[in-house]
Amino acid sequence: MLTGDDLSRRSVSAKYAFYVLADAEDTLLQQYPAVHSLTERKNDPAFRAQLRRGLLALLSAIRGRALAACHLKNLGITKIGLTIPVQWGLDFEKVYRELVTEVFHVDESTTPKIFFFTETESLSRYLFKHHEDLLDGAKEYNSIMFCDFGGHNMV
C-alpha cells in the first residue's frame, strides 16, 4: 500500500502505481475504480516520482529477503521470474523490468535474466510441478482449462 506519512490519506495497492507509470490506456483504467485516485495526478512529475520510490522501496525489501534466503543456502540469483496480470502489456513489463533491474542490479547481457509470466501461467506451472495429485482426475482428458477472473484464478 502506498500511504505516506499522512494517515488520513486513502490507501491504494502498490500494484496500481504501475498503471500510472506505464501510462495505461483509459479503456484499461476504467476497469479498475481503485486506480482512479492515482490517475487524477498521473501528469504530476513529483507524484510519479513518489510512486516510483514506493515501488523501489517495496522491491528493495523483497531483494533483501531474497538475498538473505540465498545466503543461508549458499545460492545466488540467476533468473528473476515475475508474475503479471494477463492484461498487462509491454508498457507495463518495461516499467517493471526497469524497476527490478535497478533494485537487483541486473545486467541483461549477463545474469540474472528477467522473465514475465501471467498469473494464470504461474498457477498452472505450480500445480503441475508441485500438486500433480490435484490434477489426477483430469488426466483422462486432453486439456485442462485455467480461467483468470482479474485477480481470482480458478482451475
N, C-alpha and C. Protein backbone atom coordinates (compact mmCIF):
# COMPACT_ATOMS: atom_id res chain seq x y z
N MET A 1 0.82 -1.17 0.00
CA MET A 1 0.00 0.00 0.00
C MET A 1 0.88 1.25 0.00
N LEU A 2 0.50 2.22 -0.74
CA LEU A 2 1.21 3.48 -0.77
C LEU A 2 0.38 4.49 0.03
N THR A 3 0.84 4.84 1.23
CA THR A 3 0.06 5.76 2.04
C THR A 3 0.84 6.98 2.46
N GLY A 4 2.15 6.91 2.53
CA GLY A 4 2.94 8.05 3.00
C GLY A 4 2.78 8.22 4.49
N ASP A 5 3.08 9.40 4.99
CA ASP A 5 3.01 9.67 6.43
C ASP A 5 1.64 10.14 6.89
N ASP A 6 0.85 10.61 5.98
CA ASP A 6 -0.46 11.16 6.32
C ASP A 6 -1.48 10.02 6.38
N LEU A 7 -1.87 9.64 7.59
CA LEU A 7 -2.79 8.52 7.76
C LEU A 7 -4.21 8.84 7.34
N SER A 8 -4.50 10.12 7.07
CA SER A 8 -5.84 10.48 6.62
C SER A 8 -6.02 10.19 5.13
N ARG A 9 -4.91 9.91 4.44
CA ARG A 9 -5.00 9.61 3.01
C ARG A 9 -5.59 8.22 2.80
N ARG A 10 -6.22 8.06 1.68
CA ARG A 10 -6.78 6.77 1.30
C ARG A 10 -5.65 5.89 0.79
N SER A 11 -5.56 4.67 1.30
CA SER A 11 -4.51 3.78 0.84
C SER A 11 -4.96 3.06 -0.43
N VAL A 12 -4.00 2.84 -1.32
CA VAL A 12 -4.25 2.17 -2.59
C VAL A 12 -3.14 1.15 -2.79
N SER A 13 -3.47 -0.01 -3.27
CA SER A 13 -2.49 -1.05 -3.51
C SER A 13 -1.36 -0.54 -4.39
N ALA A 14 -0.13 -0.92 -4.05
CA ALA A 14 1.04 -0.51 -4.83
C ALA A 14 0.95 -1.01 -6.28
N LYS A 15 0.21 -2.06 -6.50
CA LYS A 15 0.04 -2.59 -7.86
C LYS A 15 -0.47 -1.51 -8.82
N TYR A 16 -1.31 -0.63 -8.30
CA TYR A 16 -1.91 0.37 -9.17
C TYR A 16 -0.94 1.47 -9.58
N ALA A 17 0.20 1.58 -8.90
CA ALA A 17 1.21 2.55 -9.31
C ALA A 17 1.70 2.22 -10.72
N PHE A 18 1.73 0.94 -11.05
CA PHE A 18 2.16 0.54 -12.39
C PHE A 18 1.26 1.11 -13.48
N TYR A 19 -0.03 1.25 -13.19
CA TYR A 19 -0.97 1.77 -14.18
C TYR A 19 -0.64 3.23 -14.52
N VAL A 20 -0.19 3.97 -13.52
CA VAL A 20 0.20 5.36 -13.76
C VAL A 20 1.54 5.41 -14.48
N LEU A 21 2.53 4.68 -13.96
CA LEU A 21 3.88 4.72 -14.51
C LEU A 21 3.96 4.15 -15.92
N ALA A 22 3.07 3.23 -16.24
CA ALA A 22 3.05 2.64 -17.59
C ALA A 22 2.14 3.42 -18.53
N ASP A 23 1.55 4.50 -18.05
CA ASP A 23 0.62 5.30 -18.85
C ASP A 23 -0.45 4.43 -19.50
N ALA A 24 -1.12 3.65 -18.65
CA ALA A 24 -2.16 2.73 -19.13
C ALA A 24 -3.26 3.49 -19.87
N GLU A 25 -3.81 2.84 -20.85
CA GLU A 25 -4.89 3.43 -21.65
C GLU A 25 -6.17 3.57 -20.83
N ASP A 26 -6.95 4.56 -21.17
CA ASP A 26 -8.18 4.83 -20.43
C ASP A 26 -9.12 3.64 -20.40
N THR A 27 -9.17 2.87 -21.48
CA THR A 27 -10.07 1.71 -21.51
C THR A 27 -9.69 0.69 -20.44
N LEU A 28 -8.41 0.55 -20.17
CA LEU A 28 -7.95 -0.36 -19.11
C LEU A 28 -8.21 0.26 -17.74
N LEU A 29 -7.94 1.54 -17.61
CA LEU A 29 -8.13 2.23 -16.33
C LEU A 29 -9.58 2.20 -15.87
N GLN A 30 -10.50 2.25 -16.81
CA GLN A 30 -11.93 2.25 -16.47
C GLN A 30 -12.34 0.96 -15.76
N GLN A 31 -11.58 -0.10 -15.94
CA GLN A 31 -11.91 -1.39 -15.33
C GLN A 31 -11.54 -1.45 -13.85
N TYR A 32 -10.74 -0.49 -13.38
CA TYR A 32 -10.22 -0.53 -12.02
C TYR A 32 -10.51 0.76 -11.27
N PRO A 33 -11.64 0.85 -10.60
CA PRO A 33 -12.00 2.07 -9.88
C PRO A 33 -10.96 2.47 -8.83
N ALA A 34 -10.26 1.52 -8.24
CA ALA A 34 -9.27 1.83 -7.21
C ALA A 34 -8.12 2.67 -7.75
N VAL A 35 -7.84 2.58 -9.04
CA VAL A 35 -6.72 3.32 -9.62
C VAL A 35 -7.08 4.78 -9.92
N HIS A 36 -8.36 5.10 -9.93
CA HIS A 36 -8.79 6.44 -10.32
C HIS A 36 -8.20 7.54 -9.43
N SER A 37 -8.05 7.27 -8.14
CA SER A 37 -7.49 8.30 -7.26
C SER A 37 -6.03 8.58 -7.61
N LEU A 38 -5.34 7.62 -8.21
CA LEU A 38 -3.96 7.83 -8.64
C LEU A 38 -3.88 8.51 -10.00
N THR A 39 -4.77 8.14 -10.90
CA THR A 39 -4.69 8.68 -12.26
C THR A 39 -5.07 10.16 -12.33
N GLU A 40 -5.76 10.64 -11.30
CA GLU A 40 -6.08 12.07 -11.26
C GLU A 40 -4.81 12.91 -11.26
N ARG A 41 -3.70 12.33 -10.77
CA ARG A 41 -2.43 13.06 -10.68
C ARG A 41 -1.36 12.43 -11.57
N LYS A 42 -1.78 11.69 -12.59
CA LYS A 42 -0.82 10.95 -13.41
C LYS A 42 0.15 11.85 -14.18
N ASN A 43 -0.19 13.10 -14.39
CA ASN A 43 0.69 14.01 -15.11
C ASN A 43 1.58 14.85 -14.20
N ASP A 44 1.52 14.61 -12.90
CA ASP A 44 2.32 15.34 -11.92
C ASP A 44 3.66 14.60 -11.74
N PRO A 45 4.77 15.17 -12.22
CA PRO A 45 6.08 14.50 -12.13
C PRO A 45 6.48 14.15 -10.70
N ALA A 46 6.17 15.01 -9.74
CA ALA A 46 6.52 14.72 -8.34
C ALA A 46 5.75 13.51 -7.83
N PHE A 47 4.47 13.41 -8.22
CA PHE A 47 3.65 12.27 -7.80
C PHE A 47 4.16 10.98 -8.44
N ARG A 48 4.50 11.04 -9.73
CA ARG A 48 5.03 9.87 -10.41
C ARG A 48 6.34 9.42 -9.75
N ALA A 49 7.17 10.37 -9.38
CA ALA A 49 8.43 10.05 -8.70
C ALA A 49 8.15 9.38 -7.35
N GLN A 50 7.12 9.85 -6.65
CA GLN A 50 6.75 9.27 -5.37
C GLN A 50 6.27 7.83 -5.55
N LEU A 51 5.48 7.58 -6.57
CA LEU A 51 5.02 6.22 -6.85
C LEU A 51 6.20 5.31 -7.16
N ARG A 52 7.12 5.82 -7.96
CA ARG A 52 8.31 5.05 -8.33
C ARG A 52 9.15 4.73 -7.09
N ARG A 53 9.35 5.70 -6.22
CA ARG A 53 10.11 5.47 -4.98
C ARG A 53 9.44 4.42 -4.11
N GLY A 54 8.12 4.45 -4.05
CA GLY A 54 7.39 3.45 -3.27
C GLY A 54 7.60 2.05 -3.80
N LEU A 55 7.54 1.89 -5.12
CA LEU A 55 7.76 0.57 -5.72
C LEU A 55 9.21 0.12 -5.53
N LEU A 56 10.15 1.06 -5.64
CA LEU A 56 11.57 0.72 -5.43
C LEU A 56 11.80 0.26 -3.99
N ALA A 57 11.14 0.92 -3.03
CA ALA A 57 11.27 0.53 -1.63
C ALA A 57 10.71 -0.87 -1.40
N LEU A 58 9.56 -1.16 -2.00
CA LEU A 58 8.97 -2.49 -1.88
C LEU A 58 9.89 -3.55 -2.48
N LEU A 59 10.38 -3.31 -3.68
CA LEU A 59 11.27 -4.26 -4.34
C LEU A 59 12.59 -4.40 -3.59
N SER A 60 13.07 -3.34 -2.97
CA SER A 60 14.30 -3.41 -2.18
C SER A 60 14.12 -4.33 -0.97
N ALA A 61 12.96 -4.25 -0.34
CA ALA A 61 12.67 -5.14 0.79
C ALA A 61 12.62 -6.59 0.32
N ILE A 62 12.02 -6.82 -0.84
CA ILE A 62 11.96 -8.18 -1.40
C ILE A 62 13.37 -8.66 -1.73
N ARG A 63 14.19 -7.80 -2.31
CA ARG A 63 15.57 -8.16 -2.64
C ARG A 63 16.33 -8.56 -1.37
N GLY A 64 16.17 -7.80 -0.31
CA GLY A 64 16.85 -8.11 0.94
C GLY A 64 16.47 -9.48 1.47
N ARG A 65 15.18 -9.79 1.43
CA ARG A 65 14.72 -11.11 1.89
C ARG A 65 15.22 -12.22 0.98
N ALA A 66 15.23 -11.97 -0.32
CA ALA A 66 15.71 -12.99 -1.27
C ALA A 66 17.20 -13.25 -1.08
N LEU A 67 17.99 -12.20 -0.93
CA LEU A 67 19.43 -12.37 -0.73
C LEU A 67 19.73 -13.05 0.59
N ALA A 68 18.97 -12.75 1.62
CA ALA A 68 19.17 -13.41 2.93
C ALA A 68 18.88 -14.90 2.81
N ALA A 69 17.81 -15.25 2.10
CA ALA A 69 17.47 -16.67 1.91
C ALA A 69 18.55 -17.36 1.08
N CYS A 70 19.05 -16.69 0.06
CA CYS A 70 20.12 -17.27 -0.77
C CYS A 70 21.38 -17.48 0.06
N HIS A 71 21.71 -16.53 0.90
CA HIS A 71 22.92 -16.61 1.72
C HIS A 71 22.87 -17.83 2.64
N LEU A 72 21.71 -18.10 3.22
CA LEU A 72 21.56 -19.24 4.13
C LEU A 72 21.85 -20.57 3.45
N LYS A 73 21.56 -20.66 2.17
CA LYS A 73 21.73 -21.92 1.44
C LYS A 73 22.86 -21.86 0.43
N ASN A 74 23.67 -20.79 0.51
CA ASN A 74 24.81 -20.61 -0.39
C ASN A 74 24.38 -20.65 -1.87
N LEU A 75 23.35 -19.89 -2.17
CA LEU A 75 22.80 -19.81 -3.52
C LEU A 75 22.98 -18.41 -4.07
N GLY A 76 22.72 -18.25 -5.35
CA GLY A 76 22.73 -16.95 -5.99
C GLY A 76 21.51 -16.79 -6.87
N ILE A 77 21.22 -15.59 -7.27
CA ILE A 77 20.07 -15.31 -8.13
C ILE A 77 20.55 -15.31 -9.58
N THR A 78 20.02 -16.21 -10.39
CA THR A 78 20.40 -16.28 -11.80
C THR A 78 19.26 -15.90 -12.72
N LYS A 79 18.03 -16.05 -12.25
CA LYS A 79 16.85 -15.70 -13.04
C LYS A 79 15.83 -15.07 -12.11
N ILE A 80 15.08 -14.13 -12.64
CA ILE A 80 14.02 -13.49 -11.87
C ILE A 80 12.74 -13.65 -12.67
N GLY A 81 11.82 -14.44 -12.13
CA GLY A 81 10.52 -14.65 -12.76
C GLY A 81 9.48 -13.78 -12.07
N LEU A 82 8.79 -12.98 -12.82
CA LEU A 82 7.81 -12.06 -12.27
C LEU A 82 6.42 -12.38 -12.82
N THR A 83 5.46 -12.48 -11.93
CA THR A 83 4.09 -12.70 -12.39
C THR A 83 3.42 -11.35 -12.62
N ILE A 84 2.62 -11.31 -13.66
CA ILE A 84 1.89 -10.10 -14.02
C ILE A 84 0.46 -10.47 -14.40
N PRO A 85 -0.46 -9.54 -14.23
CA PRO A 85 -1.82 -9.79 -14.71
C PRO A 85 -1.81 -9.99 -16.23
N VAL A 86 -2.71 -10.78 -16.71
CA VAL A 86 -2.75 -11.12 -18.14
C VAL A 86 -2.98 -9.89 -19.01
N GLN A 87 -3.67 -8.87 -18.49
CA GLN A 87 -3.96 -7.69 -19.31
C GLN A 87 -2.81 -6.69 -19.36
N TRP A 88 -1.73 -6.93 -18.63
CA TRP A 88 -0.58 -6.04 -18.69
C TRP A 88 0.20 -6.30 -19.97
N GLY A 89 0.46 -5.26 -20.72
CA GLY A 89 1.20 -5.38 -21.97
C GLY A 89 2.66 -5.02 -21.79
N LEU A 90 3.31 -4.79 -22.92
CA LEU A 90 4.74 -4.49 -22.92
C LEU A 90 5.08 -3.20 -22.19
N ASP A 91 4.16 -2.24 -22.17
CA ASP A 91 4.41 -0.99 -21.46
C ASP A 91 4.55 -1.23 -19.95
N PHE A 92 3.74 -2.13 -19.42
CA PHE A 92 3.86 -2.49 -18.00
C PHE A 92 5.15 -3.27 -17.74
N GLU A 93 5.44 -4.22 -18.64
CA GLU A 93 6.67 -5.00 -18.49
C GLU A 93 7.90 -4.11 -18.50
N LYS A 94 7.88 -3.09 -19.34
CA LYS A 94 9.02 -2.17 -19.43
C LYS A 94 9.26 -1.47 -18.09
N VAL A 95 8.18 -0.95 -17.49
CA VAL A 95 8.30 -0.28 -16.20
C VAL A 95 8.78 -1.26 -15.13
N TYR A 96 8.17 -2.43 -15.09
CA TYR A 96 8.52 -3.45 -14.09
C TYR A 96 9.98 -3.87 -14.25
N ARG A 97 10.40 -4.11 -15.50
CA ARG A 97 11.77 -4.52 -15.79
C ARG A 97 12.77 -3.44 -15.33
N GLU A 98 12.46 -2.17 -15.62
CA GLU A 98 13.35 -1.08 -15.21
C GLU A 98 13.51 -1.03 -13.69
N LEU A 99 12.42 -1.17 -12.97
CA LEU A 99 12.47 -1.14 -11.51
C LEU A 99 13.26 -2.32 -10.95
N VAL A 100 12.98 -3.51 -11.44
CA VAL A 100 13.68 -4.71 -10.96
C VAL A 100 15.15 -4.65 -11.33
N THR A 101 15.45 -4.18 -12.53
CA THR A 101 16.85 -4.04 -12.97
C THR A 101 17.61 -3.11 -12.03
N GLU A 102 16.97 -2.01 -11.66
CA GLU A 102 17.62 -1.05 -10.76
C GLU A 102 17.86 -1.64 -9.37
N VAL A 103 16.86 -2.29 -8.82
CA VAL A 103 16.97 -2.81 -7.46
C VAL A 103 17.89 -4.03 -7.37
N PHE A 104 17.77 -4.93 -8.33
CA PHE A 104 18.57 -6.16 -8.28
C PHE A 104 19.90 -6.03 -9.02
N HIS A 105 20.20 -4.84 -9.53
CA HIS A 105 21.46 -4.57 -10.23
C HIS A 105 21.67 -5.57 -11.38
N VAL A 106 20.66 -5.69 -12.21
CA VAL A 106 20.66 -6.64 -13.30
C VAL A 106 21.38 -6.06 -14.51
N ASP A 107 22.27 -6.84 -15.06
CA ASP A 107 22.89 -6.53 -16.35
C ASP A 107 22.32 -7.56 -17.32
N GLU A 108 21.40 -7.15 -18.16
CA GLU A 108 20.70 -8.09 -19.05
C GLU A 108 21.64 -8.84 -19.99
N SER A 109 22.88 -8.36 -20.16
CA SER A 109 23.81 -9.08 -21.03
C SER A 109 24.43 -10.26 -20.30
N THR A 110 24.26 -10.31 -18.98
CA THR A 110 24.77 -11.45 -18.20
C THR A 110 23.59 -12.05 -17.46
N THR A 111 23.79 -12.43 -16.21
CA THR A 111 22.68 -12.93 -15.41
C THR A 111 22.48 -11.99 -14.24
N PRO A 112 21.36 -11.93 -13.58
CA PRO A 112 20.19 -12.75 -13.82
C PRO A 112 19.34 -12.22 -14.98
N LYS A 113 18.59 -13.08 -15.54
CA LYS A 113 17.65 -12.71 -16.60
C LYS A 113 16.27 -12.50 -15.97
N ILE A 114 15.50 -11.62 -16.56
CA ILE A 114 14.16 -11.32 -16.06
C ILE A 114 13.14 -11.90 -17.04
N PHE A 115 12.21 -12.68 -16.49
CA PHE A 115 11.16 -13.30 -17.29
C PHE A 115 9.80 -12.91 -16.72
N PHE A 116 8.81 -12.81 -17.57
CA PHE A 116 7.45 -12.48 -17.14
C PHE A 116 6.53 -13.66 -17.44
N PHE A 117 5.66 -13.94 -16.49
CA PHE A 117 4.64 -14.98 -16.62
C PHE A 117 3.33 -14.38 -16.17
N THR A 118 2.25 -14.73 -16.85
CA THR A 118 0.96 -14.27 -16.35
C THR A 118 0.65 -15.05 -15.08
N GLU A 119 -0.22 -14.49 -14.26
CA GLU A 119 -0.58 -15.14 -13.00
C GLU A 119 -1.16 -16.53 -13.25
N THR A 120 -1.94 -16.68 -14.31
CA THR A 120 -2.53 -17.98 -14.62
C THR A 120 -1.48 -18.98 -15.05
N GLU A 121 -0.50 -18.54 -15.85
CA GLU A 121 0.61 -19.41 -16.23
C GLU A 121 1.36 -19.89 -15.00
N SER A 122 1.60 -18.98 -14.07
CA SER A 122 2.33 -19.32 -12.86
C SER A 122 1.56 -20.34 -12.03
N LEU A 123 0.27 -20.14 -11.92
CA LEU A 123 -0.57 -21.08 -11.18
C LEU A 123 -0.49 -22.47 -11.82
N SER A 124 -0.60 -22.53 -13.13
CA SER A 124 -0.58 -23.83 -13.80
C SER A 124 0.78 -24.50 -13.65
N ARG A 125 1.87 -23.75 -13.78
CA ARG A 125 3.21 -24.33 -13.59
C ARG A 125 3.36 -24.89 -12.18
N TYR A 126 2.90 -24.14 -11.20
CA TYR A 126 2.99 -24.57 -9.81
C TYR A 126 2.19 -25.85 -9.59
N LEU A 127 0.97 -25.88 -10.08
CA LEU A 127 0.13 -27.06 -9.89
C LEU A 127 0.72 -28.29 -10.56
N PHE A 128 1.20 -28.13 -11.79
CA PHE A 128 1.76 -29.29 -12.49
C PHE A 128 3.05 -29.79 -11.85
N LYS A 129 3.81 -28.89 -11.27
CA LYS A 129 5.09 -29.28 -10.69
C LYS A 129 4.95 -29.81 -9.26
N HIS A 130 4.10 -29.19 -8.46
CA HIS A 130 4.05 -29.49 -7.03
C HIS A 130 2.80 -30.20 -6.55
N HIS A 131 1.75 -30.20 -7.35
CA HIS A 131 0.49 -30.78 -6.89
C HIS A 131 -0.17 -31.62 -7.98
N GLU A 132 0.62 -32.48 -8.56
CA GLU A 132 0.09 -33.32 -9.63
C GLU A 132 -1.10 -34.15 -9.15
N ASP A 133 -1.11 -34.50 -7.85
CA ASP A 133 -2.22 -35.28 -7.31
C ASP A 133 -3.56 -34.55 -7.42
N LEU A 134 -3.53 -33.21 -7.39
CA LEU A 134 -4.77 -32.45 -7.54
C LEU A 134 -5.35 -32.59 -8.93
N LEU A 135 -4.50 -32.92 -9.88
CA LEU A 135 -4.93 -32.98 -11.27
C LEU A 135 -5.18 -34.41 -11.75
N ASP A 136 -5.09 -35.39 -10.84
CA ASP A 136 -5.26 -36.79 -11.23
C ASP A 136 -6.56 -37.05 -11.97
N GLY A 137 -7.64 -36.45 -11.51
CA GLY A 137 -8.93 -36.67 -12.15
C GLY A 137 -9.01 -36.10 -13.55
N ALA A 138 -8.13 -35.18 -13.88
CA ALA A 138 -8.15 -34.54 -15.19
C ALA A 138 -7.30 -35.28 -16.22
N LYS A 139 -6.56 -36.31 -15.81
CA LYS A 139 -5.65 -37.00 -16.73
C LYS A 139 -6.37 -37.70 -17.87
N GLU A 140 -7.61 -38.07 -17.68
CA GLU A 140 -8.34 -38.75 -18.75
C GLU A 140 -8.77 -37.80 -19.86
N TYR A 141 -8.60 -36.50 -19.64
CA TYR A 141 -8.98 -35.51 -20.64
C TYR A 141 -7.74 -35.02 -21.38
N ASN A 142 -7.94 -34.41 -22.54
CA ASN A 142 -6.84 -33.91 -23.35
C ASN A 142 -6.37 -32.53 -22.93
N SER A 143 -7.15 -31.83 -22.12
CA SER A 143 -6.77 -30.48 -21.74
C SER A 143 -7.35 -30.12 -20.39
N ILE A 144 -6.77 -29.12 -19.80
CA ILE A 144 -7.24 -28.57 -18.54
C ILE A 144 -7.39 -27.07 -18.76
N MET A 145 -8.48 -26.50 -18.30
CA MET A 145 -8.71 -25.08 -18.50
C MET A 145 -8.39 -24.33 -17.21
N PHE A 146 -7.61 -23.27 -17.35
CA PHE A 146 -7.34 -22.34 -16.27
C PHE A 146 -8.03 -21.03 -16.64
N CYS A 147 -8.84 -20.52 -15.75
CA CYS A 147 -9.55 -19.27 -16.02
C CYS A 147 -9.01 -18.17 -15.12
N ASP A 148 -8.83 -17.00 -15.67
CA ASP A 148 -8.34 -15.85 -14.93
C ASP A 148 -9.50 -14.87 -14.81
N PHE A 149 -9.89 -14.58 -13.58
CA PHE A 149 -11.01 -13.67 -13.35
C PHE A 149 -10.54 -12.35 -12.76
N GLY A 150 -9.46 -11.80 -13.32
CA GLY A 150 -8.97 -10.49 -12.87
C GLY A 150 -8.61 -10.43 -11.41
N GLY A 151 -7.68 -11.25 -11.00
CA GLY A 151 -7.25 -11.27 -9.61
C GLY A 151 -7.71 -12.52 -8.89
N HIS A 152 -8.54 -13.30 -9.53
CA HIS A 152 -9.01 -14.56 -8.97
C HIS A 152 -8.85 -15.64 -10.03
N ASN A 153 -8.10 -16.66 -9.70
CA ASN A 153 -7.88 -17.76 -10.65
C ASN A 153 -8.73 -18.96 -10.25
N MET A 154 -9.09 -19.78 -11.22
CA MET A 154 -9.86 -20.98 -10.96
C MET A 154 -9.40 -22.07 -11.93
N VAL A 155 -9.24 -23.29 -11.44
CA VAL A 155 -8.87 -24.41 -12.32
C VAL A 155 -10.13 -25.13 -12.70
